[in-house]
Amino acid sequence: MKRILYINKKDMDKLIKVKSIAFLNKIKIETPEDAEDVSLPEDAEILIMKGMTRSEMEKFLSDLRKKGIRIALKCIETETNRDWPLQKLYEEIKKEHESLEKSRID
């Protein structure tokens, strides 16, 4: 089953747009457990895609870009990260993103 978990504590308009694009793509929207959500920074934004084929993921991300929606921290649920606490997943994805950004500048 196609699902996403999208967390954006700061921009409710963007949150609504992402959820509406997910709905149009017949993707179930998960909500984080309140306890896990609280552990993230106030400006946290992350998109976790679950149970999607490559083409489904590409279409969803393309639809987001068409609406001008950019999400820096995103990942696919894997066997490795499936059981990680949300805080750990967020920190790992943020670290990877920062590393990629740094290598683009160098």
Protein backbone atom coordinates (compact mmCIF):
# COMPACT_ATOMS: atom_id res chain seq x y z
CA MET A 1 0.00 0.00 0.00
CA LYS A 2 1.34 3.43 -0.99
CA ARG A 3 1.80 5.69 2.02
CA ILE A 4 3.62 8.82 3.08
CA LEU A 5 4.50 10.39 6.36
CA TYR A 6 5.02 14.12 5.88
CA ILE A 7 5.95 16.33 8.79
CA ASN A 8 6.08 20.09 8.51
CA LYS A 9 5.53 21.96 11.75
CA LYS A 10 6.05 25.41 10.32
CA ASP A 11 4.20 25.75 6.99
CA MET A 12 0.59 24.58 7.21
CA ASP A 13 -0.15 25.73 3.65
CA LYS A 14 2.63 23.49 2.31
CA LEU A 15 1.43 20.64 4.51
CA ILE A 16 -2.06 20.91 3.01
CA LYS A 17 -0.67 21.03 -0.55
CA VAL A 18 1.49 17.93 -0.04
CA LYS A 19 -1.43 16.04 1.48
CA SER A 20 -3.73 17.04 -1.39
CA ILE A 21 -1.20 15.85 -4.01
CA ALA A 22 -0.85 12.58 -2.08
CA PHE A 23 -4.64 12.22 -2.05
CA LEU A 24 -4.83 12.81 -5.82
CA ASN A 25 -2.16 10.12 -6.29
CA LYS A 26 -4.18 7.71 -4.09
CA ILE A 27 -1.44 7.67 -1.46
CA LYS A 28 -2.48 7.10 2.15
CA ILE A 29 -1.30 9.81 4.52
CA GLU A 30 0.08 8.65 7.85
CA THR A 31 0.32 10.84 10.91
CA PRO A 32 3.23 10.61 13.33
CA GLU A 33 2.59 9.54 16.85
CA ASP A 34 2.48 12.71 18.92
CA ALA A 35 5.33 11.63 21.17
CA GLU A 36 7.68 11.13 18.21
CA ASP A 37 6.60 14.36 16.51
CA VAL A 38 7.43 16.36 19.64
CA SER A 39 11.04 15.12 19.59
CA LEU A 40 11.73 16.82 16.24
CA PRO A 41 12.93 20.43 15.98
CA GLU A 42 10.28 23.13 15.51
CA ASP A 43 11.41 23.74 11.90
CA ALA A 44 11.52 20.02 11.03
CA GLU A 45 10.32 18.99 7.60
CA ILE A 46 10.63 15.44 6.31
CA LEU A 47 8.86 13.25 3.77
CA ILE A 48 8.99 9.47 4.18
CA MET A 49 7.62 7.41 1.29
CA LYS A 50 6.50 3.85 1.96
CA GLY A 51 5.38 0.97 -0.21
CA MET A 52 5.78 2.83 -3.50
CA THR A 53 7.21 1.59 -6.76
CA ARG A 54 9.85 3.71 -8.42
CA SER A 55 7.37 5.04 -10.99
CA GLU A 56 4.78 5.89 -8.30
CA MET A 57 7.42 7.74 -6.32
CA GLU A 58 8.68 9.60 -9.39
CA LYS A 59 5.14 10.67 -10.34
CA PHE A 60 4.40 11.89 -6.82
CA LEU A 61 7.67 13.86 -6.62
CA SER A 62 7.08 15.25 -10.12
CA ASP A 63 3.60 16.41 -9.10
CA LEU A 64 5.10 18.15 -6.08
CA ARG A 65 7.68 19.93 -8.27
CA LYS A 66 4.96 21.01 -10.74
CA LYS A 67 3.24 22.79 -7.84
CA GLY A 68 6.52 24.41 -6.79
CA ILE A 69 6.86 22.28 -3.68
CA ARG A 70 10.40 21.45 -2.63
CA ILE A 71 11.20 19.16 0.28
CA ALA A 72 14.89 18.86 1.11
CA LEU A 73 14.69 15.93 3.51
CA LYS A 74 12.99 12.91 2.00
CA CYS A 75 13.57 9.19 1.97
CA ILE A 76 12.09 5.83 1.19
CA GLU A 77 11.28 3.40 3.96
CA THR A 78 13.70 0.47 3.81
CA GLU A 79 14.27 -2.73 5.75
CA THR A 80 17.13 -0.92 7.50
CA ASN A 81 15.31 2.24 8.57
CA ARG A 82 11.80 0.80 9.04
CA ASP A 83 12.12 0.39 12.81
CA TRP A 84 14.17 3.50 13.55
CA PRO A 85 12.66 6.14 15.80
CA LEU A 86 11.55 9.18 13.83
CA GLN A 87 14.20 11.35 15.51
CA LYS A 88 17.02 9.03 14.36
CA LEU A 89 15.68 8.86 10.80
CA TYR A 90 15.38 12.66 10.67
CA GLU A 91 18.96 13.11 11.92
CA GLU A 92 20.36 10.57 9.43
CA ILE A 93 18.52 12.08 6.46
CA LYS A 94 19.56 15.60 7.51
CA LYS A 95 23.20 14.47 7.80
CA GLU A 96 23.07 12.87 4.32
CA HIS A 97 21.46 15.99 2.84
CA GLU A 98 24.08 18.29 4.37
CA SER A 99 26.86 16.03 3.09
CA LEU A 100 25.41 16.07 -0.44
CA GLU A 101 25.01 19.85 -0.36
CA LYS A 102 28.60 20.26 0.82
CA SER A 103 29.93 18.01 -1.97
CA ARG A 104 28.03 20.09 -4.56
CA ILE A 105 29.72 23.24 -3.31
CA ASP A 106 33.26 21.77 -3.16
